[in-house]
Amino acid sequence: MTTMSIQPLDATPHTLAQLTDLLVETVANGGSVSFMHPLAPAKARAFWERSFADPGKTIFGAWIDEELVGTVTLVTGLPENQPHRAEIAKMMVAVAHRGQGIASALLGVAEAAARAAGRTHLMLDTADDGGASGLYERHGFRRAGAVPDYALKPHGGLTATLFYWKPL
């Protein structure tokens, strides 16, 4: 039986290559993660390089053997009037590994890290069309509201964005 491990990631060439592939795949399959399809690998890699350079972000990865199968980013670098909260961003699971509990495991690790950092409040957003609202609601996130036509879907057309919060 194959086991999964989740850990904070470093910007090694191997990890950057796998994160790049995961982001390109997610966008190609309609994932609303701030990019449009087709996403050039160089643009995806540059995004991850900037993310690793930001000390206010911790990028977690779910590994099965040597394959990165999912990722989530915990954002703690927020304005000085928000030291009590963190944000969940860029939750992605490889298409071939969806439905196996990887997103739930990643979310649990990110929540634990937020608690360990002294955060008492988590925020996130997800697309209404094809987003992960059910996942977040199952994990105790409360819907704060929706903003219609907030963002373009990766293949075109507008979608609402749902905003969620959770006390820790």
N, C-alpha and C. Protein backbone atom coordinates (compact mmCIF):
# COMPACT_ATOMS: atom_id res chain seq x y z
N MET A 1 0.84 -1.19 0.00
CA MET A 1 0.00 0.00 0.00
C MET A 1 0.88 1.24 0.00
N THR A 2 0.51 2.21 -0.80
CA THR A 2 1.25 3.46 -0.90
C THR A 2 0.78 4.42 0.18
N THR A 3 1.73 5.11 0.79
CA THR A 3 1.36 6.08 1.81
C THR A 3 1.64 7.49 1.30
N MET A 4 0.87 8.40 1.84
CA MET A 4 1.01 9.80 1.48
C MET A 4 1.69 10.53 2.64
N SER A 5 2.54 11.49 2.31
CA SER A 5 3.11 12.35 3.34
C SER A 5 2.84 13.80 2.94
N ILE A 6 2.62 14.63 3.95
CA ILE A 6 2.40 16.06 3.71
C ILE A 6 3.44 16.81 4.51
N GLN A 7 4.08 17.78 3.84
CA GLN A 7 5.12 18.55 4.49
C GLN A 7 5.25 19.92 3.82
N PRO A 8 5.85 20.88 4.55
CA PRO A 8 6.16 22.16 3.91
C PRO A 8 7.15 21.91 2.77
N LEU A 9 7.00 22.65 1.70
CA LEU A 9 7.84 22.46 0.53
C LEU A 9 8.99 23.47 0.49
N ASP A 10 10.05 23.07 -0.16
CA ASP A 10 11.17 23.96 -0.47
C ASP A 10 11.22 24.13 -1.98
N ALA A 11 11.85 25.20 -2.42
CA ALA A 11 11.90 25.53 -3.84
C ALA A 11 13.02 24.79 -4.56
N THR A 12 13.02 23.47 -4.45
CA THR A 12 14.01 22.69 -5.19
C THR A 12 13.57 22.60 -6.65
N PRO A 13 14.49 22.35 -7.57
CA PRO A 13 14.09 22.21 -8.98
C PRO A 13 13.03 21.12 -9.17
N HIS A 14 13.16 20.00 -8.47
CA HIS A 14 12.19 18.90 -8.58
C HIS A 14 10.80 19.36 -8.12
N THR A 15 10.74 20.03 -6.98
CA THR A 15 9.47 20.50 -6.45
C THR A 15 8.86 21.57 -7.34
N LEU A 16 9.67 22.52 -7.80
CA LEU A 16 9.15 23.57 -8.69
C LEU A 16 8.59 22.97 -9.97
N ALA A 17 9.26 21.97 -10.51
CA ALA A 17 8.76 21.34 -11.74
C ALA A 17 7.41 20.68 -11.49
N GLN A 18 7.27 20.00 -10.36
CA GLN A 18 6.00 19.32 -10.08
C GLN A 18 4.89 20.30 -9.75
N LEU A 19 5.21 21.37 -9.02
CA LEU A 19 4.20 22.40 -8.74
C LEU A 19 3.75 23.06 -10.04
N THR A 20 4.69 23.32 -10.93
CA THR A 20 4.37 23.91 -12.23
C THR A 20 3.41 23.02 -12.99
N ASP A 21 3.71 21.73 -13.07
CA ASP A 21 2.84 20.80 -13.78
C ASP A 21 1.45 20.74 -13.14
N LEU A 22 1.40 20.74 -11.81
CA LEU A 22 0.12 20.67 -11.10
C LEU A 22 -0.73 21.91 -11.38
N LEU A 23 -0.12 23.08 -11.36
CA LEU A 23 -0.85 24.32 -11.64
C LEU A 23 -1.36 24.34 -13.07
N VAL A 24 -0.53 23.97 -14.03
CA VAL A 24 -0.95 23.94 -15.44
C VAL A 24 -2.11 22.95 -15.62
N GLU A 25 -2.01 21.76 -15.00
CA GLU A 25 -3.07 20.76 -15.10
C GLU A 25 -4.37 21.27 -14.47
N THR A 26 -4.26 21.90 -13.30
CA THR A 26 -5.44 22.40 -12.61
C THR A 26 -6.18 23.43 -13.45
N VAL A 27 -5.45 24.36 -14.03
CA VAL A 27 -6.07 25.39 -14.87
C VAL A 27 -6.67 24.77 -16.13
N ALA A 28 -5.95 23.83 -16.75
CA ALA A 28 -6.46 23.17 -17.96
C ALA A 28 -7.76 22.44 -17.69
N ASN A 29 -7.93 21.96 -16.45
CA ASN A 29 -9.15 21.23 -16.08
C ASN A 29 -10.19 22.11 -15.41
N GLY A 30 -10.06 23.43 -15.58
CA GLY A 30 -11.10 24.36 -15.13
C GLY A 30 -10.94 24.89 -13.73
N GLY A 31 -9.84 24.59 -13.04
CA GLY A 31 -9.63 25.09 -11.69
C GLY A 31 -9.45 26.60 -11.68
N SER A 32 -10.26 27.28 -10.90
CA SER A 32 -10.20 28.74 -10.81
C SER A 32 -9.19 29.13 -9.72
N VAL A 33 -7.93 29.22 -10.13
CA VAL A 33 -6.85 29.53 -9.20
C VAL A 33 -6.03 30.73 -9.69
N SER A 34 -6.75 31.71 -10.27
CA SER A 34 -6.19 33.01 -10.66
C SER A 34 -5.52 33.05 -12.03
N PHE A 35 -5.58 31.98 -12.79
CA PHE A 35 -4.93 31.95 -14.10
C PHE A 35 -5.91 31.53 -15.18
N MET A 36 -5.59 31.91 -16.42
CA MET A 36 -6.42 31.55 -17.57
C MET A 36 -5.74 30.44 -18.36
N HIS A 37 -6.57 29.62 -19.03
CA HIS A 37 -6.10 28.55 -19.89
C HIS A 37 -5.89 29.10 -21.29
N PRO A 38 -4.84 28.74 -22.01
CA PRO A 38 -3.77 27.85 -21.59
C PRO A 38 -2.74 28.63 -20.75
N LEU A 39 -2.25 27.98 -19.71
CA LEU A 39 -1.25 28.57 -18.84
C LEU A 39 0.12 28.08 -19.25
N ALA A 40 0.98 29.01 -19.62
CA ALA A 40 2.34 28.66 -20.03
C ALA A 40 3.13 28.16 -18.81
N PRO A 41 3.85 27.07 -18.95
CA PRO A 41 4.64 26.56 -17.84
C PRO A 41 5.59 27.60 -17.24
N ALA A 42 6.18 28.45 -18.06
CA ALA A 42 7.10 29.47 -17.53
C ALA A 42 6.37 30.44 -16.60
N LYS A 43 5.14 30.77 -16.94
CA LYS A 43 4.34 31.66 -16.09
C LYS A 43 3.98 30.97 -14.78
N ALA A 44 3.62 29.69 -14.87
CA ALA A 44 3.29 28.93 -13.66
C ALA A 44 4.51 28.80 -12.75
N ARG A 45 5.66 28.50 -13.32
CA ARG A 45 6.89 28.37 -12.52
C ARG A 45 7.24 29.70 -11.86
N ALA A 46 7.11 30.81 -12.60
CA ALA A 46 7.41 32.13 -12.03
C ALA A 46 6.48 32.43 -10.85
N PHE A 47 5.22 32.02 -10.94
CA PHE A 47 4.30 32.20 -9.83
C PHE A 47 4.83 31.48 -8.59
N TRP A 48 5.23 30.21 -8.75
CA TRP A 48 5.71 29.44 -7.60
C TRP A 48 7.01 30.02 -7.05
N GLU A 49 7.88 30.49 -7.91
CA GLU A 49 9.12 31.10 -7.43
C GLU A 49 8.83 32.34 -6.59
N ARG A 50 7.88 33.16 -7.02
CA ARG A 50 7.49 34.34 -6.23
C ARG A 50 6.85 33.92 -4.91
N SER A 51 6.04 32.86 -4.95
CA SER A 51 5.39 32.39 -3.73
C SER A 51 6.41 31.92 -2.70
N PHE A 52 7.40 31.16 -3.13
CA PHE A 52 8.44 30.70 -2.21
C PHE A 52 9.26 31.86 -1.65
N ALA A 53 9.39 32.94 -2.42
CA ALA A 53 10.18 34.09 -1.97
C ALA A 53 9.43 34.93 -0.93
N ASP A 54 8.13 34.70 -0.76
CA ASP A 54 7.30 35.46 0.17
C ASP A 54 7.35 34.80 1.55
N PRO A 55 7.97 35.45 2.55
CA PRO A 55 8.06 34.83 3.87
C PRO A 55 6.72 34.70 4.58
N GLY A 56 5.69 35.33 4.07
CA GLY A 56 4.36 35.24 4.66
C GLY A 56 3.54 34.08 4.12
N LYS A 57 4.17 33.20 3.32
CA LYS A 57 3.46 32.05 2.76
C LYS A 57 4.21 30.78 3.10
N THR A 58 3.43 29.75 3.46
CA THR A 58 3.97 28.41 3.63
C THR A 58 3.24 27.51 2.65
N ILE A 59 3.99 26.86 1.79
CA ILE A 59 3.41 25.99 0.77
C ILE A 59 3.59 24.55 1.24
N PHE A 60 2.48 23.85 1.37
CA PHE A 60 2.51 22.45 1.78
C PHE A 60 2.27 21.57 0.57
N GLY A 61 2.89 20.41 0.56
CA GLY A 61 2.70 19.47 -0.53
C GLY A 61 2.35 18.11 -0.02
N ALA A 62 1.48 17.42 -0.75
CA ALA A 62 1.14 16.03 -0.48
C ALA A 62 1.89 15.17 -1.49
N TRP A 63 2.67 14.25 -0.97
CA TRP A 63 3.50 13.38 -1.80
C TRP A 63 3.04 11.94 -1.69
N ILE A 64 3.01 11.25 -2.80
CA ILE A 64 2.91 9.80 -2.83
C ILE A 64 4.16 9.35 -3.57
N ASP A 65 5.02 8.69 -2.83
CA ASP A 65 6.35 8.35 -3.32
C ASP A 65 7.04 9.65 -3.75
N GLU A 66 7.49 9.75 -4.98
CA GLU A 66 8.18 10.95 -5.45
C GLU A 66 7.26 11.89 -6.24
N GLU A 67 5.96 11.62 -6.21
CA GLU A 67 5.01 12.42 -6.99
C GLU A 67 4.26 13.39 -6.08
N LEU A 68 4.31 14.67 -6.45
CA LEU A 68 3.52 15.68 -5.76
C LEU A 68 2.08 15.57 -6.27
N VAL A 69 1.15 15.22 -5.38
CA VAL A 69 -0.23 14.97 -5.80
C VAL A 69 -1.19 16.07 -5.35
N GLY A 70 -0.72 17.01 -4.54
CA GLY A 70 -1.57 18.09 -4.09
C GLY A 70 -0.78 19.15 -3.36
N THR A 71 -1.37 20.33 -3.25
CA THR A 71 -0.72 21.43 -2.56
C THR A 71 -1.77 22.39 -2.00
N VAL A 72 -1.37 23.11 -0.96
CA VAL A 72 -2.16 24.20 -0.40
C VAL A 72 -1.18 25.21 0.18
N THR A 73 -1.54 26.47 0.13
CA THR A 73 -0.70 27.53 0.68
C THR A 73 -1.41 28.16 1.87
N LEU A 74 -0.66 28.33 2.96
CA LEU A 74 -1.14 29.05 4.12
C LEU A 74 -0.49 30.43 4.09
N VAL A 75 -1.34 31.45 4.08
CA VAL A 75 -0.85 32.84 4.04
C VAL A 75 -1.00 33.43 5.44
N THR A 76 0.12 33.79 6.04
CA THR A 76 0.11 34.44 7.35
C THR A 76 0.67 35.86 7.27
N GLY A 77 1.24 36.22 6.14
CA GLY A 77 1.81 37.56 5.96
C GLY A 77 0.72 38.55 5.61
N LEU A 78 -0.04 38.96 6.61
CA LEU A 78 -1.18 39.86 6.41
C LEU A 78 -0.90 41.21 7.07
N PRO A 79 -1.71 42.22 6.81
CA PRO A 79 -1.48 43.54 7.41
C PRO A 79 -1.41 43.49 8.93
N GLU A 80 -0.78 44.48 9.52
CA GLU A 80 -0.53 44.48 10.96
C GLU A 80 -1.79 44.50 11.81
N ASN A 81 -2.92 44.91 11.23
CA ASN A 81 -4.16 44.89 12.02
C ASN A 81 -4.87 43.54 11.92
N GLN A 82 -4.21 42.53 11.33
CA GLN A 82 -4.81 41.20 11.19
C GLN A 82 -3.86 40.09 11.65
N PRO A 83 -3.20 40.27 12.80
CA PRO A 83 -2.24 39.25 13.23
C PRO A 83 -2.91 37.96 13.74
N HIS A 84 -4.21 38.01 13.89
CA HIS A 84 -4.96 36.87 14.42
C HIS A 84 -5.47 35.92 13.35
N ARG A 85 -5.29 36.27 12.07
CA ARG A 85 -5.90 35.44 11.05
C ARG A 85 -4.88 34.99 9.99
N ALA A 86 -5.31 34.00 9.22
CA ALA A 86 -4.53 33.48 8.10
C ALA A 86 -5.50 33.16 6.97
N GLU A 87 -4.95 32.90 5.80
CA GLU A 87 -5.76 32.57 4.63
C GLU A 87 -5.29 31.26 4.02
N ILE A 88 -6.24 30.51 3.51
CA ILE A 88 -5.97 29.30 2.75
C ILE A 88 -6.03 29.68 1.28
N ALA A 89 -5.00 29.29 0.51
CA ALA A 89 -4.95 29.66 -0.91
C ALA A 89 -4.39 28.50 -1.74
N LYS A 90 -4.67 28.53 -3.00
CA LYS A 90 -4.13 27.61 -4.00
C LYS A 90 -4.22 26.15 -3.59
N MET A 91 -5.40 25.72 -3.18
CA MET A 91 -5.66 24.31 -2.91
C MET A 91 -5.82 23.60 -4.24
N MET A 92 -4.95 22.62 -4.50
CA MET A 92 -5.00 21.88 -5.77
C MET A 92 -4.65 20.42 -5.52
N VAL A 93 -5.37 19.53 -6.17
CA VAL A 93 -5.06 18.10 -6.14
C VAL A 93 -5.02 17.63 -7.59
N ALA A 94 -4.01 16.83 -7.91
CA ALA A 94 -3.88 16.29 -9.26
C ALA A 94 -5.15 15.53 -9.64
N VAL A 95 -5.56 15.69 -10.88
CA VAL A 95 -6.82 15.09 -11.35
C VAL A 95 -6.86 13.59 -11.06
N ALA A 96 -5.78 12.88 -11.28
CA ALA A 96 -5.76 11.43 -11.09
C ALA A 96 -5.87 11.01 -9.63
N HIS A 97 -5.72 11.98 -8.71
CA HIS A 97 -5.73 11.64 -7.28
C HIS A 97 -6.90 12.29 -6.52
N ARG A 98 -7.84 12.86 -7.24
CA ARG A 98 -8.98 13.48 -6.57
C ARG A 98 -9.91 12.42 -6.00
N GLY A 99 -10.64 12.80 -4.96
CA GLY A 99 -11.59 11.89 -4.34
C GLY A 99 -10.96 10.89 -3.39
N GLN A 100 -9.71 11.11 -3.02
CA GLN A 100 -8.99 10.17 -2.15
C GLN A 100 -8.68 10.77 -0.77
N GLY A 101 -9.25 11.95 -0.47
CA GLY A 101 -9.02 12.57 0.83
C GLY A 101 -7.78 13.44 0.92
N ILE A 102 -7.13 13.67 -0.19
CA ILE A 102 -5.89 14.46 -0.19
C ILE A 102 -6.17 15.91 0.17
N ALA A 103 -7.20 16.50 -0.40
CA ALA A 103 -7.53 17.89 -0.08
C ALA A 103 -7.88 18.04 1.39
N SER A 104 -8.63 17.10 1.93
CA SER A 104 -8.96 17.15 3.36
C SER A 104 -7.71 17.08 4.22
N ALA A 105 -6.79 16.20 3.85
CA ALA A 105 -5.55 16.07 4.61
C ALA A 105 -4.72 17.35 4.53
N LEU A 106 -4.63 17.94 3.34
CA LEU A 106 -3.89 19.19 3.18
C LEU A 106 -4.52 20.31 4.01
N LEU A 107 -5.84 20.38 3.97
CA LEU A 107 -6.55 21.40 4.74
C LEU A 107 -6.28 21.23 6.23
N GLY A 108 -6.29 20.00 6.72
CA GLY A 108 -6.00 19.74 8.13
C GLY A 108 -4.61 20.18 8.54
N VAL A 109 -3.63 19.92 7.69
CA VAL A 109 -2.25 20.34 7.98
C VAL A 109 -2.14 21.87 7.99
N ALA A 110 -2.78 22.52 7.03
CA ALA A 110 -2.73 23.98 6.98
C ALA A 110 -3.42 24.60 8.20
N GLU A 111 -4.54 24.03 8.62
CA GLU A 111 -5.23 24.52 9.82
C GLU A 111 -4.36 24.35 11.06
N ALA A 112 -3.71 23.20 11.18
CA ALA A 112 -2.83 22.95 12.33
C ALA A 112 -1.67 23.93 12.34
N ALA A 113 -1.13 24.23 11.18
CA ALA A 113 -0.03 25.20 11.10
C ALA A 113 -0.51 26.60 11.48
N ALA A 114 -1.73 26.95 11.08
CA ALA A 114 -2.28 28.26 11.45
C ALA A 114 -2.45 28.35 12.96
N ARG A 115 -2.97 27.30 13.56
CA ARG A 115 -3.10 27.28 15.03
C ARG A 115 -1.73 27.41 15.69
N ALA A 116 -0.76 26.65 15.20
CA ALA A 116 0.59 26.69 15.78
C ALA A 116 1.22 28.07 15.66
N ALA A 117 0.81 28.82 14.64
CA ALA A 117 1.30 30.19 14.45
C ALA A 117 0.49 31.20 15.26
N GLY A 118 -0.44 30.72 16.10
CA GLY A 118 -1.22 31.59 16.95
C GLY A 118 -2.41 32.25 16.27
N ARG A 119 -2.80 31.73 15.12
CA ARG A 119 -3.94 32.30 14.39
C ARG A 119 -5.24 31.72 14.94
N THR A 120 -6.26 32.54 15.00
CA THR A 120 -7.55 32.11 15.54
C THR A 120 -8.69 32.22 14.52
N HIS A 121 -8.35 32.59 13.30
CA HIS A 121 -9.37 32.85 12.29
C HIS A 121 -8.79 32.51 10.92
N LEU A 122 -9.50 31.71 10.14
CA LEU A 122 -9.08 31.38 8.78
C LEU A 122 -10.08 31.91 7.77
N MET A 123 -9.57 32.36 6.64
CA MET A 123 -10.40 32.84 5.53
C MET A 123 -9.98 32.09 4.27
N LEU A 124 -10.92 31.98 3.32
CA LEU A 124 -10.60 31.46 2.00
C LEU A 124 -11.70 31.86 1.05
N ASP A 125 -11.41 31.70 -0.24
CA ASP A 125 -12.45 31.89 -1.24
C ASP A 125 -12.34 30.77 -2.27
N THR A 126 -13.45 30.51 -2.92
CA THR A 126 -13.51 29.47 -3.95
C THR A 126 -14.55 29.87 -4.99
N ALA A 127 -14.34 29.40 -6.20
CA ALA A 127 -15.30 29.70 -7.26
C ALA A 127 -16.62 29.00 -6.99
N ASP A 128 -17.70 29.65 -7.38
CA ASP A 128 -19.02 29.03 -7.25
C ASP A 128 -19.16 27.88 -8.25
N ASP A 129 -18.73 28.11 -9.49
CA ASP A 129 -18.78 27.08 -10.53
C ASP A 129 -17.55 26.19 -10.42
N GLY A 130 -17.75 24.95 -10.01
CA GLY A 130 -16.65 24.00 -9.97
C GLY A 130 -15.70 24.17 -8.80
N GLY A 131 -16.02 25.00 -7.85
CA GLY A 131 -15.16 25.21 -6.69
C GLY A 131 -15.31 24.10 -5.66
N ALA A 132 -14.65 24.28 -4.54
CA ALA A 132 -14.61 23.25 -3.51
C ALA A 132 -15.44 23.62 -2.29
N SER A 133 -16.58 24.27 -2.51
CA SER A 133 -17.39 24.73 -1.37
C SER A 133 -17.81 23.57 -0.47
N GLY A 134 -18.16 22.44 -1.06
CA GLY A 134 -18.58 21.30 -0.25
C GLY A 134 -17.46 20.82 0.68
N LEU A 135 -16.25 20.77 0.18
CA LEU A 135 -15.09 20.39 0.99
C LEU A 135 -14.95 21.33 2.18
N TYR A 136 -14.98 22.61 1.92
CA TYR A 136 -14.78 23.58 2.99
C TYR A 136 -15.91 23.54 4.01
N GLU A 137 -17.13 23.38 3.55
CA GLU A 137 -18.26 23.31 4.47
C GLU A 137 -18.17 22.05 5.34
N ARG A 138 -17.73 20.93 4.77
CA ARG A 138 -17.56 19.71 5.57
C ARG A 138 -16.49 19.89 6.64
N HIS A 139 -15.59 20.82 6.43
CA HIS A 139 -14.51 21.07 7.40
C HIS A 139 -14.81 22.25 8.32
N GLY A 140 -16.06 22.65 8.38
CA GLY A 140 -16.48 23.65 9.34
C GLY A 140 -16.34 25.09 8.92
N PHE A 141 -16.01 25.34 7.67
CA PHE A 141 -15.96 26.73 7.20
C PHE A 141 -17.37 27.24 7.01
N ARG A 142 -17.57 28.48 7.35
CA ARG A 142 -18.89 29.12 7.25
C ARG A 142 -18.89 30.09 6.08
N ARG A 143 -19.93 30.00 5.28
CA ARG A 143 -20.03 30.88 4.12
C ARG A 143 -20.37 32.30 4.58
N ALA A 144 -19.53 33.24 4.17
CA ALA A 144 -19.76 34.64 4.51
C ALA A 144 -20.61 35.33 3.44
N GLY A 145 -20.52 34.85 2.22
CA GLY A 145 -21.29 35.45 1.15
C GLY A 145 -20.69 35.14 -0.21
N ALA A 146 -21.35 35.66 -1.23
CA ALA A 146 -20.93 35.44 -2.61
C ALA A 146 -20.89 36.78 -3.33
N VAL A 147 -19.93 36.92 -4.20
CA VAL A 147 -19.84 38.09 -5.06
C VAL A 147 -20.05 37.62 -6.50
N PRO A 148 -21.17 38.03 -7.12
CA PRO A 148 -21.44 37.59 -8.50
C PRO A 148 -20.38 38.11 -9.47
N ASP A 149 -20.12 37.33 -10.51
CA ASP A 149 -19.22 37.75 -11.60
C ASP A 149 -17.88 38.27 -11.08
N TYR A 150 -17.33 37.62 -10.06
CA TYR A 150 -16.10 38.07 -9.42
C TYR A 150 -14.86 37.80 -10.27
N ALA A 151 -14.84 36.65 -10.96
CA ALA A 151 -13.64 36.28 -11.70
C ALA A 151 -14.01 35.53 -12.97
N LEU A 152 -13.08 35.52 -13.91
CA LEU A 152 -13.24 34.72 -15.10
C LEU A 152 -12.87 33.27 -14.79
N LYS A 153 -13.61 32.34 -15.37
CA LYS A 153 -13.24 30.94 -15.30
C LYS A 153 -12.06 30.72 -16.26
N PRO A 154 -11.23 29.72 -16.03
CA PRO A 154 -10.04 29.52 -16.85
C PRO A 154 -10.30 29.39 -18.36
N HIS A 155 -11.48 28.88 -18.74
CA HIS A 155 -11.81 28.72 -20.15
C HIS A 155 -12.78 29.80 -20.64
N GLY A 156 -12.99 30.83 -19.82
CA GLY A 156 -13.86 31.93 -20.20
C GLY A 156 -15.20 31.89 -19.49
N GLY A 157 -15.84 33.04 -19.44
CA GLY A 157 -17.10 33.17 -18.74
C GLY A 157 -16.88 33.55 -17.29
N LEU A 158 -17.81 34.28 -16.73
CA LEU A 158 -17.68 34.74 -15.35
C LEU A 158 -18.28 33.75 -14.36
N THR A 159 -17.75 33.77 -13.15
CA THR A 159 -18.30 32.97 -12.07
C THR A 159 -18.31 33.80 -10.79
N ALA A 160 -19.23 33.48 -9.93
CA ALA A 160 -19.25 34.10 -8.61
C ALA A 160 -18.12 33.49 -7.77
N THR A 161 -17.68 34.23 -6.78
CA THR A 161 -16.71 33.72 -5.81
C THR A 161 -17.40 33.69 -4.46
N LEU A 162 -17.22 32.56 -3.76
CA LEU A 162 -17.79 32.35 -2.44
C LEU A 162 -16.69 32.60 -1.40
N PHE A 163 -17.00 33.34 -0.36
CA PHE A 163 -16.04 33.64 0.69
C PHE A 163 -16.43 32.88 1.95
N TYR A 164 -15.43 32.27 2.59
CA TYR A 164 -15.64 31.44 3.77
C TYR A 164 -14.70 31.87 4.89
N TRP A 165 -15.13 31.58 6.12
CA TRP A 165 -14.32 31.85 7.31
C TRP A 165 -14.52 30.73 8.31
N LYS A 166 -13.56 30.59 9.19
CA LYS A 166 -13.64 29.55 10.21
C LYS A 166 -12.88 30.00 11.45
N PRO A 167 -13.53 29.94 12.60
CA PRO A 167 -12.78 30.21 13.84
C PRO A 167 -11.94 28.99 14.19
N LEU A 168 -10.75 29.23 14.69
CA LEU A 168 -9.88 28.11 15.08
C LEU A 168 -9.85 27.96 16.58
